[in-house]
Amino acid sequence: MRTRYGGTTVLIAVGVLAFGGGVFLPRIHAFGGPSATEIVQTIHEKEGIHRGTQEGVTPSLSPSSAPAMSDISAPPSIPPPSSTRSSSPFPTRREALDRQKVVVEIGTTGEQYRIDAPVADTTYDLRSFTSTAYPSGSSFPLAFGPESPGARTVVIGGTVIGQQQRSLSWEDVHDPFGGGGLRMIGIDSLVSYDLRVNNVNDGFMPLPPPDDLNGARFLIDGCHMTWIRDDAVEDDTEMSGTIRDCLFDGINTGVSIGQSTQNPDAVVRIKHSVFLFEPMRNDRATDGIGHQTLFKQKPGGHVRLSKVVVCYPENPMSPSRLRIFPPGHYSNVRLVLGSDFVGRYPGPRPAGVTVTRDWSVCERARADWLRRH
């Protein structure tokens, strides 16, 4: 019989309602928006939703206010089981939820959710779990494997909403707080499905086991990130992995690969994803507001990009980074320049990479992702 573990964190019941079932949350920009309670009421009125508790979990019954759900879409529903097992090295969502060890967490917490030593082949179902711990509660609100890496850990869902003011500069967030939404240290593989992150330093931070850069591969699939002050994906200890079907909607840097340790054997794949950059307060920008680029530096290994849209509303703060195209393969990669991008895109580009000034490409790509999720 499959074992299902109940959550142990003290949680707020309204979080269960807000993130339980694949409905869309309103898009809220910049510095505010309706409360979670208002959003839940709107969703219930529109969709007629009446939601009970999940199996094996007793939510908190204490009423409380919850954070504003700025910019974040709700996680999608999980497809029904298939009789054919996936040939991918990573388990599918359904396969992960059908494991013998599944830990379910629900609600909202302002404390760090930390699993020091994940049991091998465990799935953490965080589809109805929200963290507001960043930055005062923890710089790493969701952390898996900091003491001992977990083998083949899968995290499904999880929403992180940073509480600091968006008016803070990059230096105000990066230097005192750092960290980011989800940090996973794993063996063999580590997987994140349908992560939602808003208003933090970095979005997703995968790490291989100590002293073995090739000891794990990562997959992040179906993520939605907004207002990411530094790196959407920080693969600084360069490991192989896949970024798939993600919407990065308002970021400073796309992917940082190998900034601390480079790995010539690594291959990072980016598929079916959209990167929309957002000018944010930054003391390094000449006018005090700016963003960076898709790649922060040239990695030690290779990349493979397919069906990727990259949207630059203006010239980046470090224009030389526009010339960074790591060795590898590029197919159907579109670079879109906004109205505030002055001049032509600099330097040569690999085959498979095109440039356009048609910003509707970005708008359609974003709308399509939100429609499908």
Protein backbone atom coordinates (compact mmCIF):
# COMPACT_ATOMS: atom_id res chain seq x y z
CA MET A 1 0.00 0.00 0.00
CA ARG A 2 1.25 3.45 -0.83
CA THR A 3 2.16 5.63 2.15
CA ARG A 4 0.96 9.21 2.15
CA TYR A 5 2.37 11.55 4.75
CA GLY A 6 0.42 14.50 6.09
CA GLY A 7 1.90 17.98 6.43
CA THR A 8 3.35 19.08 9.77
CA THR A 9 3.73 22.83 9.32
CA VAL A 10 1.27 25.21 10.98
CA LEU A 11 -0.67 26.54 8.01
CA ILE A 12 -3.38 29.00 7.07
CA ALA A 13 -6.52 27.52 5.58
CA VAL A 14 -7.07 30.24 2.97
CA GLY A 15 -3.94 29.05 1.19
CA VAL A 16 -5.64 25.75 0.49
CA LEU A 17 -8.40 27.52 -1.35
CA ALA A 18 -6.16 29.75 -3.38
CA PHE A 19 -3.92 27.11 -4.89
CA GLY A 20 -5.84 23.86 -4.98
CA GLY A 21 -7.16 23.34 -8.45
CA GLY A 22 -5.71 24.81 -11.60
CA VAL A 23 -7.82 27.95 -11.86
CA PHE A 24 -6.30 31.21 -13.01
CA LEU A 25 -5.45 34.00 -10.61
CA PRO A 26 -5.72 37.64 -11.74
CA ARG A 27 -2.52 39.23 -13.02
CA ILE A 28 -1.48 42.05 -10.69
CA HIS A 29 1.40 44.37 -11.55
CA ALA A 30 4.02 46.27 -9.60
CA PHE A 31 3.14 47.33 -6.07
CA GLY A 32 -0.10 45.77 -4.93
CA GLY A 33 -3.39 44.07 -5.62
CA PRO A 34 -6.32 42.28 -4.05
CA SER A 35 -5.80 40.06 -1.04
CA ALA A 36 -5.85 36.29 -1.25
CA THR A 37 -9.29 36.26 0.31
CA GLU A 38 -10.63 38.61 -2.37
CA ILE A 39 -9.06 36.50 -5.10
CA VAL A 40 -10.48 33.29 -3.64
CA GLN A 41 -13.95 34.83 -3.47
CA THR A 42 -13.66 35.95 -7.10
CA ILE A 43 -12.56 32.48 -8.20
CA HIS A 44 -15.35 30.79 -6.28
CA GLU A 45 -17.99 33.12 -7.69
CA LYS A 46 -16.72 32.61 -11.24
CA GLU A 47 -15.98 28.89 -11.15
CA GLY A 48 -18.41 27.62 -8.51
CA ILE A 49 -15.60 25.89 -6.66
CA HIS A 50 -16.19 24.07 -3.38
CA ARG A 51 -13.01 22.44 -2.19
CA GLY A 52 -12.43 19.95 0.58
CA THR A 53 -9.26 18.76 2.25
CA GLN A 54 -6.68 16.54 0.61
CA GLU A 55 -6.23 12.91 1.58
CA GLY A 56 -4.42 12.42 4.85
CA VAL A 57 -4.16 16.16 5.65
CA THR A 58 -6.02 18.25 8.18
CA PRO A 59 -5.72 21.97 7.38
CA SER A 60 -5.71 24.71 9.96
CA LEU A 61 -9.16 25.99 10.84
CA SER A 62 -7.93 29.36 12.12
CA PRO A 63 -9.07 32.24 9.92
CA SER A 64 -6.32 34.58 8.81
CA SER A 65 -5.37 37.01 6.09
CA ALA A 66 -2.94 35.78 3.45
CA PRO A 67 -0.53 37.56 1.11
CA ALA A 68 -1.47 39.17 -2.16
CA MET A 69 -0.98 36.66 -4.99
CA SER A 70 0.77 39.07 -7.34
CA ASP A 71 1.26 37.94 -10.93
CA ILE A 72 1.15 34.19 -10.31
CA SER A 73 -0.96 31.70 -12.21
CA ALA A 74 -2.40 28.67 -10.45
CA PRO A 75 -0.76 25.26 -10.98
CA PRO A 76 -2.34 23.09 -13.69
CA SER A 77 -4.31 19.95 -12.98
CA ILE A 78 -2.52 16.61 -13.20
CA PRO A 79 -3.44 14.35 -16.13
CA PRO A 80 -4.89 10.90 -15.41
CA PRO A 81 -2.59 7.86 -15.27
CA SER A 82 -1.30 6.38 -18.50
CA SER A 83 -0.78 2.69 -19.14
CA THR A 84 2.52 3.48 -20.89
CA ARG A 85 5.43 4.46 -18.67
CA SER A 86 7.42 7.52 -19.74
CA SER A 87 10.76 6.92 -21.47
CA SER A 88 12.15 10.14 -19.96
CA PRO A 89 14.89 9.92 -17.31
CA PHE A 90 12.58 12.00 -15.13
CA PRO A 91 9.25 10.73 -13.76
CA THR A 92 6.14 12.46 -15.07
CA ARG A 93 3.84 14.32 -12.70
CA ARG A 94 1.49 11.37 -12.55
CA GLU A 95 4.29 8.86 -12.01
CA ALA A 96 5.68 11.02 -9.22
CA LEU A 97 2.30 11.23 -7.49
CA ASP A 98 1.86 7.46 -7.80
CA ARG A 99 5.06 6.74 -5.86
CA GLN A 100 5.07 4.87 -2.56
CA LYS A 101 6.34 7.95 -0.69
CA VAL A 102 4.33 11.13 -1.22
CA VAL A 103 4.39 14.04 1.25
CA VAL A 104 1.47 16.47 0.98
CA GLU A 105 1.62 20.01 2.38
CA ILE A 106 -1.19 22.57 2.25
CA GLY A 107 -1.73 26.15 3.38
CA THR A 108 0.47 29.21 3.86
CA THR A 109 3.50 29.65 6.11
CA GLY A 110 5.95 32.43 6.89
CA GLU A 111 8.62 29.95 7.99
CA GLN A 112 11.18 28.08 5.91
CA TYR A 113 10.05 24.72 4.53
CA ARG A 114 13.23 22.66 4.77
CA ILE A 115 13.83 18.94 4.25
CA ASP A 116 17.42 18.39 5.38
CA ALA A 117 17.79 14.84 4.06
CA PRO A 118 14.98 13.76 1.71
CA VAL A 119 14.26 10.05 1.67
CA ALA A 120 15.10 8.51 -1.72
CA ASP A 121 12.32 8.52 -4.33
CA THR A 122 10.05 10.86 -2.39
CA THR A 123 7.57 13.23 -4.01
CA TYR A 124 6.59 16.44 -2.24
CA ASP A 125 3.13 17.59 -3.29
CA LEU A 126 3.12 21.34 -2.68
CA ARG A 127 0.37 22.24 -5.13
CA SER A 128 -1.68 23.79 -2.32
CA PHE A 129 1.27 25.17 -0.35
CA THR A 130 2.41 28.81 -0.27
CA SER A 131 5.48 30.31 1.39
CA THR A 132 5.77 33.95 2.41
CA ALA A 133 9.03 33.34 4.26
CA TYR A 134 11.19 35.37 1.87
CA PRO A 135 13.09 37.35 3.02
CA SER A 136 12.49 37.75 6.76
CA GLY A 137 11.71 34.10 7.49
CA SER A 138 14.41 32.66 5.23
CA SER A 139 16.42 33.50 2.13
CA PHE A 140 15.67 29.93 0.99
CA PRO A 141 11.93 29.44 1.63
CA LEU A 142 11.82 25.99 -0.03
CA ALA A 143 14.97 23.92 0.56
CA PHE A 144 15.57 20.23 -0.14
CA GLY A 145 18.76 18.33 0.74
CA PRO A 146 20.94 20.95 2.48
CA GLU A 147 22.35 18.35 4.89
CA SER A 148 22.21 15.25 2.69
CA PRO A 149 21.15 15.30 -0.99
CA GLY A 150 18.01 13.38 -1.81
CA ALA A 151 18.00 10.75 -4.54
CA ARG A 152 15.44 11.38 -7.28
CA THR A 153 13.45 13.99 -5.30
CA VAL A 154 10.40 15.43 -7.05
CA VAL A 155 8.61 18.61 -5.96
CA ILE A 156 5.23 19.29 -7.56
CA GLY A 157 3.88 22.80 -7.17
CA GLY A 158 4.93 25.18 -4.45
CA THR A 159 4.33 28.93 -4.48
CA VAL A 160 6.80 31.45 -3.09
CA ILE A 161 5.79 35.10 -2.67
CA GLY A 162 8.50 37.51 -1.53
CA GLN A 163 7.40 40.14 0.97
CA GLN A 164 9.97 42.90 0.38
CA GLN A 165 9.00 46.05 -1.48
CA ARG A 166 9.41 45.96 -5.24
CA SER A 167 10.80 49.46 -5.08
CA LEU A 168 14.03 48.09 -3.58
CA SER A 169 17.06 48.08 -5.87
CA TRP A 170 18.93 44.99 -7.03
CA GLU A 171 21.60 45.76 -4.42
CA ASP A 172 18.98 46.11 -1.68
CA VAL A 173 17.70 42.60 -2.41
CA HIS A 174 20.77 40.71 -3.64
CA ASP A 175 23.31 41.80 -1.02
CA PRO A 176 21.43 41.45 2.28
CA PHE A 177 19.01 38.67 1.28
CA GLY A 178 20.26 36.70 -1.74
CA GLY A 179 18.85 33.20 -1.92
CA GLY A 180 15.69 32.52 -3.87
CA GLY A 181 12.52 30.49 -4.33
CA LEU A 182 13.39 26.78 -4.55
CA ARG A 183 16.78 25.23 -3.77
CA MET A 184 17.30 21.51 -4.42
CA ILE A 185 20.43 19.41 -3.89
CA GLY A 186 20.08 15.93 -5.32
CA ILE A 187 21.53 12.66 -6.49
CA ASP A 188 20.71 11.08 -9.86
CA SER A 189 17.91 13.53 -10.61
CA LEU A 190 16.00 16.41 -9.05
CA VAL A 191 12.70 17.60 -10.47
CA SER A 192 10.44 20.62 -10.02
CA TYR A 193 7.02 20.71 -11.65
CA ASP A 194 4.78 23.80 -11.76
CA LEU A 195 6.74 26.03 -9.40
CA ARG A 196 5.34 29.53 -8.86
CA VAL A 197 7.77 32.23 -7.69
CA ASN A 198 7.22 35.97 -7.30
CA ASN A 199 9.45 38.79 -6.00
CA VAL A 200 12.63 37.02 -4.88
CA ASN A 201 16.34 37.16 -5.74
CA ASP A 202 16.79 33.91 -7.73
CA GLY A 203 14.00 31.61 -8.86
CA PHE A 204 15.27 28.01 -9.02
CA MET A 205 18.65 26.83 -7.70
CA PRO A 206 19.58 23.20 -8.47
CA LEU A 207 22.81 21.74 -7.10
CA PRO A 208 24.54 18.38 -7.74
CA PRO A 209 25.87 16.25 -4.88
CA PRO A 210 29.14 17.52 -3.36
CA ASP A 211 32.27 16.75 -5.41
CA ASP A 212 30.33 15.24 -8.32
CA LEU A 213 29.16 17.70 -10.98
CA ASN A 214 27.72 14.85 -13.03
CA GLY A 215 26.04 13.15 -10.08
CA ALA A 216 22.59 14.55 -10.88
CA ARG A 217 20.52 16.17 -13.60
CA PHE A 218 17.73 18.64 -13.02
CA LEU A 219 14.35 19.24 -14.64
CA ILE A 220 12.21 22.32 -14.09
CA ASP A 221 8.96 22.09 -16.01
CA GLY A 222 5.86 24.29 -16.08
CA CYS A 223 7.28 27.03 -13.87
CA HIS A 224 5.93 30.58 -13.74
CA MET A 225 8.22 33.26 -12.34
CA THR A 226 7.62 36.99 -11.95
CA TRP A 227 9.73 39.88 -10.65
CA ILE A 228 12.95 37.86 -10.28
CA ARG A 229 15.64 40.28 -9.20
CA ASP A 230 18.69 38.24 -10.24
CA ASP A 231 18.70 34.82 -12.00
CA ALA A 232 15.55 32.95 -13.00
CA VAL A 233 17.56 29.69 -12.98
CA GLU A 234 20.87 29.66 -11.12
CA ASP A 235 22.94 26.69 -12.27
CA ASP A 236 26.16 28.17 -10.94
CA THR A 237 27.65 24.81 -9.98
CA GLU A 238 27.26 23.70 -13.56
CA MET A 239 25.19 20.53 -13.91
CA SER A 240 23.20 19.12 -16.78
CA GLY A 241 19.51 19.80 -16.82
CA THR A 242 16.37 20.79 -18.68
CA ILE A 243 14.26 23.94 -18.49
CA ARG A 244 10.95 23.13 -20.17
CA ASP A 245 7.62 24.86 -20.76
CA CYS A 246 8.29 27.77 -18.41
CA LEU A 247 7.15 31.39 -18.41
CA PHE A 248 9.68 33.81 -16.96
CA ASP A 249 7.59 36.97 -16.94
CA GLY A 250 9.59 39.87 -15.49
CA ILE A 251 13.19 38.86 -14.78
CA ASN A 252 16.66 40.37 -14.58
CA THR A 253 18.77 37.47 -15.91
CA GLY A 254 17.56 34.28 -17.57
CA VAL A 255 20.05 31.52 -16.81
CA SER A 256 23.35 31.58 -14.95
CA ILE A 257 25.41 28.50 -15.86
CA GLY A 258 28.80 27.79 -14.33
CA GLN A 259 29.45 31.08 -12.56
CA SER A 260 31.12 29.32 -9.61
CA THR A 261 32.19 25.96 -11.07
CA GLN A 262 32.29 25.03 -14.74
CA ASN A 263 31.65 21.55 -16.11
CA PRO A 264 32.69 20.69 -19.70
CA ASP A 265 30.43 17.62 -19.62
CA ALA A 266 27.25 19.53 -18.81
CA VAL A 267 24.41 20.01 -21.28
CA VAL A 268 21.60 22.44 -20.41
CA ARG A 269 18.45 22.16 -22.52
CA ILE A 270 15.90 24.96 -22.76
CA LYS A 271 12.66 24.05 -24.52
CA HIS A 272 9.29 25.67 -25.18
CA SER A 273 9.95 28.57 -22.80
CA VAL A 274 9.42 32.33 -22.75
CA PHE A 275 11.80 34.86 -21.17
CA LEU A 276 10.41 38.39 -20.74
CA PHE A 277 12.91 40.79 -19.20
CA GLU A 278 11.82 43.64 -16.94
CA PRO A 279 13.69 46.87 -16.17
CA MET A 280 14.01 47.08 -12.38
CA ARG A 281 15.80 49.39 -10.00
CA ASN A 282 19.53 48.74 -10.20
CA ASP A 283 22.36 51.02 -9.11
CA ARG A 284 24.51 49.69 -11.95
CA ALA A 285 22.16 51.05 -14.61
CA THR A 286 23.00 54.47 -16.01
CA ASP A 287 19.45 55.69 -15.40
CA GLY A 288 18.94 53.60 -12.25
CA ILE A 289 16.64 51.04 -13.93
CA GLY A 290 17.61 48.11 -16.10
CA HIS A 291 17.83 44.38 -16.80
CA GLN A 292 20.39 41.89 -18.07
CA THR A 293 20.30 39.05 -20.64
CA LEU A 294 19.40 35.42 -21.25
CA PHE A 295 22.87 34.11 -20.41
CA LYS A 296 25.02 35.64 -17.67
CA GLN A 297 28.30 34.08 -18.79
CA LYS A 298 29.66 31.45 -21.15
CA PRO A 299 29.43 28.05 -19.44
CA GLY A 300 31.96 25.24 -19.52
CA GLY A 301 29.59 22.85 -21.29
CA HIS A 302 26.97 23.07 -24.02
CA VAL A 303 23.36 24.16 -24.45
CA ARG A 304 20.48 23.03 -26.63
CA LEU A 305 17.66 25.53 -27.21
CA SER A 306 14.41 24.77 -29.01
CA LYS A 307 11.27 26.91 -29.40
CA VAL A 308 12.40 29.70 -27.09
CA VAL A 309 11.20 33.33 -27.11
CA VAL A 310 13.49 35.95 -25.51
CA CYS A 311 12.09 39.48 -25.08
CA TYR A 312 14.31 42.49 -24.38
CA PRO A 313 12.27 45.69 -23.84
CA GLU A 314 15.45 47.79 -23.80
CA ASN A 315 19.23 47.48 -24.12
CA PRO A 316 20.65 45.47 -21.22
CA MET A 317 22.93 46.96 -18.61
CA SER A 318 25.78 44.73 -19.80
CA PRO A 319 25.38 44.87 -23.60
CA SER A 320 28.38 42.59 -24.20
CA ARG A 321 26.32 39.72 -22.75
CA LEU A 322 24.06 39.87 -25.81
CA ARG A 323 26.93 38.24 -27.70
CA ILE A 324 27.00 35.21 -25.38
CA PHE A 325 25.76 32.17 -27.27
CA PRO A 326 27.21 29.08 -25.60
CA PRO A 327 28.27 26.26 -27.91
CA GLY A 328 25.50 23.86 -28.79
CA HIS A 329 22.38 23.67 -30.91
CA TYR A 330 19.72 26.34 -31.50
CA SER A 331 16.36 25.75 -33.18
CA ASN A 332 13.49 28.24 -33.50
CA VAL A 333 14.93 30.74 -31.02
CA ARG A 334 13.43 34.23 -31.42
CA LEU A 335 15.01 37.35 -29.94
CA VAL A 336 12.47 40.18 -29.71
CA LEU A 337 13.61 43.79 -29.27
CA GLY A 338 11.24 46.28 -27.67
CA SER A 339 10.63 49.92 -28.51
CA ASP A 340 13.30 51.10 -26.04
CA PHE A 341 16.00 48.86 -27.48
CA VAL A 342 18.27 51.27 -29.36
CA GLY A 343 20.15 50.08 -32.43
CA ARG A 344 20.64 46.65 -33.94
CA TYR A 345 21.28 43.40 -32.13
CA PRO A 346 25.09 43.18 -31.90
CA GLY A 347 27.37 40.54 -33.35
CA PRO A 348 26.82 37.24 -35.14
CA ARG A 349 24.19 34.75 -34.08
CA PRO A 350 24.09 30.96 -34.39
CA ALA A 351 21.95 29.28 -37.00
CA GLY A 352 18.43 28.85 -35.68
CA VAL A 353 18.37 32.25 -33.92
CA THR A 354 16.37 35.13 -35.44
CA VAL A 355 15.75 38.74 -34.37
CA THR A 356 12.52 40.71 -34.69
CA ARG A 357 11.04 43.95 -33.40
CA ASP A 358 7.51 42.59 -33.44
CA TRP A 359 6.63 42.76 -29.74
CA SER A 360 3.36 40.98 -30.39
CA VAL A 361 5.47 37.80 -30.57
CA CYS A 362 6.09 38.19 -26.83
CA GLU A 363 2.50 39.04 -26.05
CA ARG A 364 1.21 36.02 -27.94
CA ALA A 365 3.80 33.70 -26.35
CA ARG A 366 2.83 34.87 -22.86
CA ALA A 367 -0.89 34.61 -23.57
CA ASP A 368 -0.47 31.14 -25.05
CA TRP A 369 1.42 29.88 -22.01
CA LEU A 370 -1.17 31.28 -19.62
CA ARG A 371 -3.98 29.79 -21.70
CA ARG A 372 -2.41 26.34 -21.58
CA HIS A 373 -1.77 26.50 -17.86
